[in-house]
């Protein structure tokens, strides 16, 4: 259950990052409320997962999901660069997260 919670935390982190971009484009209360909700849920799920998982592993995977997921969402939602070098580094981040899971 801790791993599911950790993945949910990463997905909420991705949502929060998208809401930051949305808030920058249109400053309104709805965007701000969704941003706070996304990051709040992310921290809640991360906290729950850290009751079982080691802090270093949980934090590394949470940030990996958030960073790589945010980059991928930026590519598809906002037309950011899809250069092959960028994709390689995203794959490296995801590979490191999977490696941490395998050795934990």
PDB file of N, CA and C in Angstrom:
ATOM      1  N   UNK A   1       0.806  -1.191   0.000  1.00  0.00           N
ATOM      2  CA  UNK A   1       0.000   0.000   0.000  1.00  0.00           C
ATOM      3  C   UNK A   1       0.857   1.266   0.000  1.00  0.00           C
ATOM      4  N   UNK A   2       2.046   1.172   0.607  1.00  0.00           N
ATOM      5  CA  UNK A   2       2.934   2.332   0.661  1.00  0.00           C
ATOM      6  C   UNK A   2       3.403   2.722  -0.741  1.00  0.00           C
ATOM      7  N   UNK A   3       3.649   1.731  -1.595  1.00  0.00           N
ATOM      8  CA  UNK A   3       4.101   2.036  -2.949  1.00  0.00           C
ATOM      9  C   UNK A   3       2.989   2.675  -3.771  1.00  0.00           C
ATOM     10  N   UNK A   4       1.771   2.213  -3.577  1.00  0.00           N
ATOM     11  CA  UNK A   4       0.635   2.826  -4.272  1.00  0.00           C
ATOM     12  C   UNK A   4       0.481   4.274  -3.818  1.00  0.00           C
ATOM     13  N   UNK A   5       0.606   4.487  -2.522  1.00  0.00           N
ATOM     14  CA  UNK A   5       0.521   5.838  -1.977  1.00  0.00           C
ATOM     15  C   UNK A   5       1.624   6.728  -2.540  1.00  0.00           C
ATOM     16  N   UNK A   6       2.799   6.167  -2.702  1.00  0.00           N
ATOM     17  CA  UNK A   6       3.923   6.937  -3.244  1.00  0.00           C
ATOM     18  C   UNK A   6       3.686   7.321  -4.703  1.00  0.00           C
ATOM     19  N   UNK A   7       3.152   6.401  -5.484  1.00  0.00           N
ATOM     20  CA  UNK A   7       2.829   6.711  -6.884  1.00  0.00           C
ATOM     21  C   UNK A   7       1.733   7.784  -6.945  1.00  0.00           C
ATOM     22  N   UNK A   8       0.734   7.668  -6.082  1.00  0.00           N
ATOM     23  CA  UNK A   8      -0.310   8.699  -6.030  1.00  0.00           C
ATOM     24  C   UNK A   8       0.280  10.054  -5.647  1.00  0.00           C
ATOM     25  N   UNK A   9       1.238  10.052  -4.723  1.00  0.00           N
ATOM     26  CA  UNK A   9       1.903  11.298  -4.339  1.00  0.00           C
ATOM     27  C   UNK A   9       2.612  11.918  -5.534  1.00  0.00           C
ATOM     28  N   UNK A  10       3.282  11.087  -6.323  1.00  0.00           N
ATOM     29  CA  UNK A  10       3.964  11.582  -7.519  1.00  0.00           C
ATOM     30  C   UNK A  10       2.991  12.132  -8.549  1.00  0.00           C
ATOM     31  N   UNK A  11       1.863  11.460  -8.724  1.00  0.00           N
ATOM     32  CA  UNK A  11       0.853  11.942  -9.676  1.00  0.00           C
ATOM     33  C   UNK A  11       0.238  13.267  -9.220  1.00  0.00           C
ATOM     34  N   UNK A  12       0.013  13.388  -7.913  1.00  0.00           N
ATOM     35  CA  UNK A  12      -0.502  14.658  -7.387  1.00  0.00           C
ATOM     36  C   UNK A  12       0.538  15.767  -7.550  1.00  0.00           C
ATOM     37  N   UNK A  13       1.793  15.416  -7.420  1.00  0.00           N
ATOM     38  CA  UNK A  13       2.875  16.384  -7.645  1.00  0.00           C
ATOM     39  C   UNK A  13       2.853  16.870  -9.095  1.00  0.00           C
ATOM     40  N   UNK A  14       2.665  15.954 -10.026  1.00  0.00           N
ATOM     41  CA  UNK A  14       2.559  16.341 -11.438  1.00  0.00           C
ATOM     42  C   UNK A  14       1.378  17.287 -11.648  1.00  0.00           C
ATOM     43  N   UNK A  15       0.252  16.977 -11.033  1.00  0.00           N
ATOM     44  CA  UNK A  15      -0.929  17.830 -11.137  1.00  0.00           C
ATOM     45  C   UNK A  15      -0.631  19.221 -10.583  1.00  0.00           C
ATOM     46  N   UNK A  16       0.057  19.271  -9.437  1.00  0.00           N
ATOM     47  CA  UNK A  16       0.417  20.554  -8.843  1.00  0.00           C
ATOM     48  C   UNK A  16       1.300  21.386  -9.754  1.00  0.00           C
ATOM     49  N   UNK A  17       2.243  20.732 -10.427  1.00  0.00           N
ATOM     50  CA  UNK A  17       3.138  21.442 -11.353  1.00  0.00           C
ATOM     51  C   UNK A  17       2.344  22.020 -12.526  1.00  0.00           C
ATOM     52  N   UNK A  18       1.407  21.254 -13.053  1.00  0.00           N
ATOM     53  CA  UNK A  18       0.566  21.759 -14.143  1.00  0.00           C
ATOM     54  C   UNK A  18      -0.257  22.954 -13.657  1.00  0.00           C
ATOM     55  N   UNK A  19      -0.726  22.891 -12.423  1.00  0.00           N
ATOM     56  CA  UNK A  19      -1.514  24.003 -11.879  1.00  0.00           C
ATOM     57  C   UNK A  19      -0.661  25.259 -11.669  1.00  0.00           C
ATOM     58  N   UNK A  20       0.633  25.090 -11.384  1.00  0.00           N
ATOM     59  CA  UNK A  20       1.518  26.261 -11.308  1.00  0.00           C
ATOM     60  C   UNK A  20       1.525  26.970 -12.652  1.00  0.00           C
ATOM     61  N   UNK A  21       1.674  26.204 -13.713  1.00  0.00           N
ATOM     62  CA  UNK A  21       1.687  26.785 -15.062  1.00  0.00           C
ATOM     63  C   UNK A  21       0.344  27.454 -15.372  1.00  0.00           C
ATOM     64  N   UNK A  22      -0.738  26.783 -15.004  1.00  0.00           N
ATOM     65  CA  UNK A  22      -2.061  27.354 -15.256  1.00  0.00           C
ATOM     66  C   UNK A  22      -2.267  28.647 -14.463  1.00  0.00           C
ATOM     67  N   UNK A  23      -1.805  28.679 -13.224  1.00  0.00           N
ATOM     68  CA  UNK A  23      -1.934  29.873 -12.393  1.00  0.00           C
ATOM     69  C   UNK A  23      -1.134  31.032 -12.978  1.00  0.00           C
ATOM     70  N   UNK A  24       0.028  30.734 -13.540  1.00  0.00           N
ATOM     71  CA  UNK A  24       0.833  31.781 -14.169  1.00  0.00           C
ATOM     72  C   UNK A  24       0.151  32.364 -15.402  1.00  0.00           C
ATOM     73  N   UNK A  25      -0.628  31.548 -16.098  1.00  0.00           N
ATOM     74  CA  UNK A  25      -1.311  32.018 -17.306  1.00  0.00           C
ATOM     75  C   UNK A  25      -2.619  32.730 -16.997  1.00  0.00           C
ATOM     76  N   UNK A  26      -3.347  32.257 -16.009  1.00  0.00           N
ATOM     77  CA  UNK A  26      -4.616  32.895 -15.652  1.00  0.00           C
ATOM     78  C   UNK A  26      -4.754  32.912 -14.135  1.00  0.00           C
ATOM     79  N   UNK A  27      -4.483  34.042 -13.579  1.00  0.00           N
ATOM     80  CA  UNK A  27      -4.540  34.168 -12.113  1.00  0.00           C
ATOM     81  C   UNK A  27      -5.995  34.237 -11.651  1.00  0.00           C
ATOM     82  N   UNK A  28      -6.437  33.117 -11.073  1.00  0.00           N
ATOM     83  CA  UNK A  28      -7.783  33.090 -10.507  1.00  0.00           C
ATOM     84  C   UNK A  28      -7.801  32.157  -9.299  1.00  0.00           C
ATOM     85  N   UNK A  29      -8.869  32.232  -8.532  1.00  0.00           N
ATOM     86  CA  UNK A  29      -8.964  31.450  -7.304  1.00  0.00           C
ATOM     87  C   UNK A  29      -9.056  29.954  -7.563  1.00  0.00           C
ATOM     88  N   UNK A  30      -9.689  29.571  -8.664  1.00  0.00           N
ATOM     89  CA  UNK A  30      -9.832  28.140  -8.976  1.00  0.00           C
ATOM     90  C   UNK A  30      -8.464  27.499  -9.207  1.00  0.00           C
ATOM     91  N   UNK A  31      -7.621  28.175  -9.985  1.00  0.00           N
ATOM     92  CA  UNK A  31      -6.276  27.641 -10.242  1.00  0.00           C
ATOM     93  C   UNK A  31      -5.469  27.547  -8.957  1.00  0.00           C
ATOM     94  N   UNK A  32      -5.567  28.575  -8.118  1.00  0.00           N
ATOM     95  CA  UNK A  32      -4.839  28.568  -6.850  1.00  0.00           C
ATOM     96  C   UNK A  32      -5.343  27.451  -5.942  1.00  0.00           C
ATOM     97  N   UNK A  33      -6.652  27.277  -5.870  1.00  0.00           N
ATOM     98  CA  UNK A  33      -7.220  26.221  -5.025  1.00  0.00           C
ATOM     99  C   UNK A  33      -6.787  24.835  -5.514  1.00  0.00           C
ATOM    100  N   UNK A  34      -6.777  24.628  -6.832  1.00  0.00           N
ATOM    101  CA  UNK A  34      -6.343  23.335  -7.375  1.00  0.00           C
ATOM    102  C   UNK A  34      -4.852  23.095  -7.142  1.00  0.00           C
ATOM    103  N   UNK A  35      -4.058  24.148  -7.214  1.00  0.00           N
ATOM    104  CA  UNK A  35      -2.629  24.037  -6.940  1.00  0.00           C
ATOM    105  C   UNK A  35      -2.410  23.591  -5.494  1.00  0.00           C
ATOM    106  N   UNK A  36      -3.077  24.257  -4.570  1.00  0.00           N
ATOM    107  CA  UNK A  36      -2.944  23.908  -3.147  1.00  0.00           C
ATOM    108  C   UNK A  36      -3.449  22.491  -2.892  1.00  0.00           C
ATOM    109  N   UNK A  37      -4.564  22.131  -3.515  1.00  0.00           N
ATOM    110  CA  UNK A  37      -5.109  20.780  -3.369  1.00  0.00           C
ATOM    111  C   UNK A  37      -4.129  19.725  -3.899  1.00  0.00           C
ATOM    112  N   UNK A  38      -3.557  19.974  -5.074  1.00  0.00           N
ATOM    113  CA  UNK A  38      -2.624  19.014  -5.666  1.00  0.00           C
ATOM    114  C   UNK A  38      -1.392  18.790  -4.809  1.00  0.00           C
ATOM    115  N   UNK A  39      -0.755  19.884  -4.374  1.00  0.00           N
ATOM    116  CA  UNK A  39       0.447  19.731  -3.562  1.00  0.00           C
ATOM    117  C   UNK A  39       0.114  19.220  -2.156  1.00  0.00           C
ATOM    118  N   UNK A  40      -1.039  19.626  -1.619  1.00  0.00           N
ATOM    119  CA  UNK A  40      -1.456  19.121  -0.311  1.00  0.00           C
ATOM    120  C   UNK A  40      -1.661  17.611  -0.335  1.00  0.00           C
ATOM    121  N   UNK A  41      -2.348  17.127  -1.353  1.00  0.00           N
ATOM    122  CA  UNK A  41      -2.560  15.683  -1.497  1.00  0.00           C
ATOM    123  C   UNK A  41      -1.234  14.966  -1.708  1.00  0.00           C
ATOM    124  N   UNK A  42      -0.343  15.594  -2.475  1.00  0.00           N
ATOM    125  CA  UNK A  42       0.963  15.000  -2.721  1.00  0.00           C
ATOM    126  C   UNK A  42       1.725  14.793  -1.413  1.00  0.00           C
ATOM    127  N   UNK A  43       1.756  15.823  -0.572  1.00  0.00           N
ATOM    128  CA  UNK A  43       2.457  15.704   0.713  1.00  0.00           C
ATOM    129  C   UNK A  43       1.765  14.702   1.634  1.00  0.00           C
ATOM    130  N   UNK A  44       0.453  14.651   1.594  1.00  0.00           N
ATOM    131  CA  UNK A  44      -0.285  13.702   2.421  1.00  0.00           C
ATOM    132  C   UNK A  44       0.063  12.257   2.039  1.00  0.00           C
ATOM    133  N   UNK A  45       0.013  11.953   0.738  1.00  0.00           N
ATOM    134  CA  UNK A  45       0.348  10.601   0.281  1.00  0.00           C
ATOM    135  C   UNK A  45       1.824  10.271   0.524  1.00  0.00           C
ATOM    136  N   UNK A  46       2.708  11.258   0.343  1.00  0.00           N
ATOM    137  CA  UNK A  46       4.127  11.035   0.613  1.00  0.00           C
ATOM    138  C   UNK A  46       4.345  10.720   2.086  1.00  0.00           C
ATOM    139  N   UNK A  47       3.699  11.472   2.941  1.00  0.00           N
ATOM    140  CA  UNK A  47       3.827  11.246   4.380  1.00  0.00           C
ATOM    141  C   UNK A  47       3.361   9.843   4.757  1.00  0.00           C
ATOM    142  N   UNK A  48       2.242   9.430   4.199  1.00  0.00           N
ATOM    143  CA  UNK A  48       1.731   8.087   4.482  1.00  0.00           C
ATOM    144  C   UNK A  48       2.715   7.015   4.013  1.00  0.00           C
ATOM    145  N   UNK A  49       3.264   7.183   2.818  1.00  0.00           N
ATOM    146  CA  UNK A  49       4.183   6.163   2.298  1.00  0.00           C
ATOM    147  C   UNK A  49       5.474   6.095   3.110  1.00  0.00           C
ATOM    148  N   UNK A  50       5.883   7.241   3.687  1.00  0.00           N
ATOM    149  CA  UNK A  50       7.128   7.254   4.463  1.00  0.00           C
ATOM    150  C   UNK A  50       6.979   6.607   5.832  1.00  0.00           C
ATOM    151  N   UNK A  51       5.760   6.244   6.218  1.00  0.00           N
ATOM    152  CA  UNK A  51       5.590   5.471   7.450  1.00  0.00           C
ATOM    153  C   UNK A  51       6.173   4.073   7.288  1.00  0.00           C
ATOM    154  N   UNK A  52       6.235   3.585   6.053  1.00  0.00           N
ATOM    155  CA  UNK A  52       6.727   2.240   5.773  1.00  0.00           C
ATOM    156  C   UNK A  52       8.056   2.249   5.021  1.00  0.00           C
ATOM    157  N   UNK A  53       8.164   3.112   4.020  1.00  0.00           N
ATOM    158  CA  UNK A  53       9.346   3.126   3.157  1.00  0.00           C
ATOM    159  C   UNK A  53      10.440   4.009   3.741  1.00  0.00           C
ATOM    160  N   UNK A  54      11.702   3.699   3.421  1.00  0.00           N
ATOM    161  CA  UNK A  54      12.792   4.568   3.866  1.00  0.00           C
ATOM    162  C   UNK A  54      12.656   5.967   3.247  1.00  0.00           C
ATOM    163  N   UNK A  55      13.010   6.981   4.027  1.00  0.00           N
ATOM    164  CA  UNK A  55      12.860   8.366   3.588  1.00  0.00           C
ATOM    165  C   UNK A  55      13.581   8.636   2.269  1.00  0.00           C
ATOM    166  N   UNK A  56      14.827   8.211   2.153  1.00  0.00           N
ATOM    167  CA  UNK A  56      15.610   8.486   0.941  1.00  0.00           C
ATOM    168  C   UNK A  56      14.987   7.888  -0.302  1.00  0.00           C
ATOM    169  N   UNK A  57      14.538   6.669  -0.196  1.00  0.00           N
ATOM    170  CA  UNK A  57      13.906   5.997  -1.332  1.00  0.00           C
ATOM    171  C   UNK A  57      12.591   6.677  -1.705  1.00  0.00           C
ATOM    172  N   UNK A  58      11.758   6.934  -0.701  1.00  0.00           N
ATOM    173  CA  UNK A  58      10.458   7.556  -0.968  1.00  0.00           C
ATOM    174  C   UNK A  58      10.629   8.937  -1.595  1.00  0.00           C
ATOM    175  N   UNK A  59      11.530   9.738  -1.053  1.00  0.00           N
ATOM    176  CA  UNK A  59      11.714  11.090  -1.567  1.00  0.00           C
ATOM    177  C   UNK A  59      12.276  11.066  -2.989  1.00  0.00           C
ATOM    178  N   UNK A  60      13.233  10.192  -3.244  1.00  0.00           N
ATOM    179  CA  UNK A  60      13.828  10.108  -4.584  1.00  0.00           C
ATOM    180  C   UNK A  60      12.797   9.690  -5.623  1.00  0.00           C
ATOM    181  N   UNK A  61      11.983   8.734  -5.305  1.00  0.00           N
ATOM    182  CA  UNK A  61      10.968   8.273  -6.255  1.00  0.00           C
ATOM    183  C   UNK A  61       9.890   9.335  -6.440  1.00  0.00           C
ATOM    184  N   UNK A  62       9.480   9.988  -5.360  1.00  0.00           N
ATOM    185  CA  UNK A  62       8.473  11.053  -5.438  1.00  0.00           C
ATOM    186  C   UNK A  62       8.955  12.195  -6.329  1.00  0.00           C
ATOM    187  N   UNK A  63      10.181  12.629  -6.118  1.00  0.00           N
ATOM    188  CA  UNK A  63      10.693  13.719  -6.954  1.00  0.00           C
ATOM    189  C   UNK A  63      10.916  13.254  -8.386  1.00  0.00           C
ATOM    190  N   UNK A  64      11.310  11.989  -8.565  1.00  0.00           N
ATOM    191  CA  UNK A  64      11.507  11.462  -9.917  1.00  0.00           C
ATOM    192  C   UNK A  64      10.219  11.430 -10.714  1.00  0.00           C
ATOM    193  N   UNK A  65       9.148  10.962 -10.064  1.00  0.00           N
ATOM    194  CA  UNK A  65       7.848  10.944 -10.741  1.00  0.00           C
ATOM    195  C   UNK A  65       7.400  12.363 -11.051  1.00  0.00           C
ATOM    196  N   UNK A  66       7.542  13.258 -10.085  1.00  0.00           N
ATOM    197  CA  UNK A  66       7.120  14.643 -10.282  1.00  0.00           C
ATOM    198  C   UNK A  66       7.909  15.358 -11.369  1.00  0.00           C
ATOM    199  N   UNK A  67       9.234  15.191 -11.352  1.00  0.00           N
ATOM    200  CA  UNK A  67      10.078  15.884 -12.324  1.00  0.00           C
ATOM    201  C   UNK A  67       9.909  15.323 -13.733  1.00  0.00           C
ATOM    202  N   UNK A  68       9.986  14.007 -13.859  1.00  0.00           N
ATOM    203  CA  UNK A  68       9.853  13.423 -15.197  1.00  0.00           C
ATOM    204  C   UNK A  68       8.426  13.564 -15.712  1.00  0.00           C
ATOM    205  N   UNK A  69       7.449  13.372 -14.832  1.00  0.00           N
ATOM    206  CA  UNK A  69       6.060  13.527 -15.242  1.00  0.00           C
ATOM    207  C   UNK A  69       5.739  14.950 -15.640  1.00  0.00           C
ATOM    208  N   UNK A  70       6.278  15.916 -14.893  1.00  0.00           N
ATOM    209  CA  UNK A  70       6.084  17.316 -15.246  1.00  0.00           C
ATOM    210  C   UNK A  70       6.688  17.649 -16.597  1.00  0.00           C
ATOM    211  N   UNK A  71       7.860  17.085 -16.875  1.00  0.00           N
ATOM    212  CA  UNK A  71       8.497  17.305 -18.179  1.00  0.00           C
ATOM    213  C   UNK A  71       7.678  16.697 -19.312  1.00  0.00           C
ATOM    214  N   UNK A  72       7.184  15.495 -19.092  1.00  0.00           N
ATOM    215  CA  UNK A  72       6.382  14.827 -20.125  1.00  0.00           C
ATOM    216  C   UNK A  72       5.076  15.579 -20.359  1.00  0.00           C
ATOM    217  N   UNK A  73       4.425  16.002 -19.281  1.00  0.00           N
ATOM    218  CA  UNK A  73       3.191  16.775 -19.444  1.00  0.00           C
ATOM    219  C   UNK A  73       3.464  18.094 -20.168  1.00  0.00           C
ATOM    220  N   UNK A  74       4.599  18.721 -19.874  1.00  0.00           N
ATOM    221  CA  UNK A  74       4.967  19.949 -20.572  1.00  0.00           C
ATOM    222  C   UNK A  74       5.132  19.726 -22.065  1.00  0.00           C
ATOM    223  N   UNK A  75       5.658  18.575 -22.433  1.00  0.00           N
ATOM    224  CA  UNK A  75       5.821  18.255 -23.854  1.00  0.00           C
ATOM    225  C   UNK A  75       4.476  18.117 -24.557  1.00  0.00           C
ATOM    226  N   UNK A  76       3.550  17.429 -23.901  1.00  0.00           N
ATOM    227  CA  UNK A  76       2.274  17.140 -24.551  1.00  0.00           C
ATOM    228  C   UNK A  76       1.235  18.244 -24.400  1.00  0.00           C
ATOM    229  N   UNK A  77       1.251  18.943 -23.270  1.00  0.00           N
ATOM    230  CA  UNK A  77       0.237  19.963 -23.042  1.00  0.00           C
ATOM    231  C   UNK A  77       0.664  21.362 -23.489  1.00  0.00           C
ATOM    232  N   UNK A  78       1.971  21.635 -23.438  1.00  0.00           N
ATOM    233  CA  UNK A  78       2.428  22.999 -23.678  1.00  0.00           C
ATOM    234  C   UNK A  78       3.454  23.123 -24.800  1.00  0.00           C
ATOM    235  N   UNK A  79       3.634  22.080 -25.565  1.00  0.00           N
ATOM    236  CA  UNK A  79       4.508  22.144 -26.734  1.00  0.00           C
ATOM    237  C   UNK A  79       5.982  22.315 -26.432  1.00  0.00           C
ATOM    238  N   UNK A  80       6.438  21.852 -25.271  1.00  0.00           N
ATOM    239  CA  UNK A  80       7.856  21.938 -24.948  1.00  0.00           C
ATOM    240  C   UNK A  80       8.647  20.957 -25.817  1.00  0.00           C
ATOM    241  N   UNK A  81       9.935  21.162 -25.883  1.00  0.00           N
ATOM    242  CA  UNK A  81      10.819  20.372 -26.742  1.00  0.00           C
ATOM    243  C   UNK A  81      10.717  18.875 -26.445  1.00  0.00           C
ATOM    244  N   UNK A  82      10.690  18.080 -27.530  1.00  0.00           N
ATOM    245  CA  UNK A  82      10.695  16.618 -27.415  1.00  0.00           C
ATOM    246  C   UNK A  82      12.009  16.061 -27.955  1.00  0.00           C
ATOM    247  N   UNK A  83      13.075  16.807 -27.781  1.00  0.00           N
ATOM    248  CA  UNK A  83      14.396  16.410 -28.252  1.00  0.00           C
ATOM    249  C   UNK A  83      14.780  15.046 -27.657  1.00  0.00           C
ATOM    250  N   UNK A  84      15.456  14.229 -28.444  1.00  0.00           N
ATOM    251  CA  UNK A  84      15.796  12.878 -28.007  1.00  0.00           C
ATOM    252  C   UNK A  84      16.699  12.896 -26.775  1.00  0.00           C
ATOM    253  N   UNK A  85      17.549  13.916 -26.641  1.00  0.00           N
ATOM    254  CA  UNK A  85      18.422  13.997 -25.462  1.00  0.00           C
ATOM    255  C   UNK A  85      17.593  14.197 -24.199  1.00  0.00           C
ATOM    256  N   UNK A  86      16.589  15.015 -24.302  1.00  0.00           N
ATOM    257  CA  UNK A  86      15.708  15.251 -23.164  1.00  0.00           C
ATOM    258  C   UNK A  86      14.982  13.959 -22.774  1.00  0.00           C
ATOM    259  N   UNK A  87      14.517  13.212 -23.757  1.00  0.00           N
ATOM    260  CA  UNK A  87      13.841  11.940 -23.485  1.00  0.00           C
ATOM    261  C   UNK A  87      14.777  10.925 -22.828  1.00  0.00           C
ATOM    262  N   UNK A  88      16.044  10.933 -23.237  1.00  0.00           N
ATOM    263  CA  UNK A  88      17.034  10.020 -22.632  1.00  0.00           C
ATOM    264  C   UNK A  88      17.200  10.331 -21.144  1.00  0.00           C
ATOM    265  N   UNK A  89      17.316  11.614 -20.816  1.00  0.00           N
ATOM    266  CA  UNK A  89      17.488  11.973 -19.408  1.00  0.00           C
ATOM    267  C   UNK A  89      16.242  11.694 -18.576  1.00  0.00           C
ATOM    268  N   UNK A  90      15.076  11.858 -19.149  1.00  0.00           N
ATOM    269  CA  UNK A  90      13.849  11.492 -18.444  1.00  0.00           C
ATOM    270  C   UNK A  90      13.837   9.984 -18.189  1.00  0.00           C
ATOM    271  N   UNK A  91      14.239   9.211 -19.184  1.00  0.00           N
ATOM    272  CA  UNK A  91      14.313   7.752 -19.016  1.00  0.00           C
ATOM    273  C   UNK A  91      15.327   7.380 -17.940  1.00  0.00           C
ATOM    274  N   UNK A  92      16.418   8.129 -17.851  1.00  0.00           N
ATOM    275  CA  UNK A  92      17.408   7.858 -16.801  1.00  0.00           C
ATOM    276  C   UNK A  92      16.823   8.108 -15.407  1.00  0.00           C
ATOM    277  N   UNK A  93      16.044   9.169 -15.262  1.00  0.00           N
ATOM    278  CA  UNK A  93      15.411   9.459 -13.973  1.00  0.00           C
ATOM    279  C   UNK A  93      14.453   8.331 -13.610  1.00  0.00           C
ATOM    280  N   UNK A  94      13.626   7.915 -14.564  1.00  0.00           N
ATOM    281  CA  UNK A  94      12.683   6.830 -14.301  1.00  0.00           C
ATOM    282  C   UNK A  94      13.409   5.513 -14.019  1.00  0.00           C
ATOM    283  N   UNK A  95      14.496   5.264 -14.746  1.00  0.00           N
ATOM    284  CA  UNK A  95      15.286   4.059 -14.510  1.00  0.00           C
ATOM    285  C   UNK A  95      15.893   4.042 -13.114  1.00  0.00           C
ATOM    286  N   UNK A  96      16.351   5.193 -12.646  1.00  0.00           N
ATOM    287  CA  UNK A  96      16.900   5.283 -11.294  1.00  0.00           C
ATOM    288  C   UNK A  96      15.818   5.017 -10.248  1.00  0.00           C
ATOM    289  N   UNK A  97      14.614   5.530 -10.477  1.00  0.00           N
ATOM    290  CA  UNK A  97      13.510   5.289  -9.542  1.00  0.00           C
ATOM    291  C   UNK A  97      13.160   3.804  -9.491  1.00  0.00           C
ATOM    292  N   UNK A  98      13.121   3.160 -10.638  1.00  0.00           N
ATOM    293  CA  UNK A  98      12.842   1.727 -10.684  1.00  0.00           C
ATOM    294  C   UNK A  98      13.957   0.946 -10.007  1.00  0.00           C
ATOM    295  N   UNK A  99      15.202   1.364 -10.219  1.00  0.00           N
ATOM    296  CA  UNK A  99      16.337   0.732  -9.554  1.00  0.00           C
ATOM    297  C   UNK A  99      16.247   0.832  -8.038  1.00  0.00           C
ATOM    298  N   UNK A 100      15.826   1.988  -7.538  1.00  0.00           N
ATOM    299  CA  UNK A 100      15.659   2.137  -6.085  1.00  0.00           C
ATOM    300  C   UNK A 100      14.578   1.196  -5.556  1.00  0.00           C
ATOM    301  N   UNK A 101      13.532   1.027  -6.326  1.00  0.00           N
ATOM    302  CA  UNK A 101      12.468   0.097  -5.911  1.00  0.00           C
ATOM    303  C   UNK A 101      12.991  -1.326  -5.849  1.00  0.00           C
ATOM    304  N   UNK A 102      13.820  -1.696  -6.816  1.00  0.00           N
ATOM    305  CA  UNK A 102      14.326  -3.060  -6.874  1.00  0.00           C
ATOM    306  C   UNK A 102      15.285  -3.376  -5.734  1.00  0.00           C
ATOM    307  N   UNK A 103      16.022  -2.384  -5.266  1.00  0.00           N
ATOM    308  CA  UNK A 103      16.998  -2.656  -4.204  1.00  0.00           C
ATOM    309  C   UNK A 103      16.450  -2.335  -2.805  1.00  0.00           C
ATOM    310  N   UNK A 104      15.234  -1.840  -2.730  1.00  0.00           N
ATOM    311  CA  UNK A 104      14.649  -1.505  -1.409  1.00  0.00           C
ATOM    312  C   UNK A 104      13.873  -2.685  -0.858  1.00  0.00           C
TER     313      UNK A 104
END
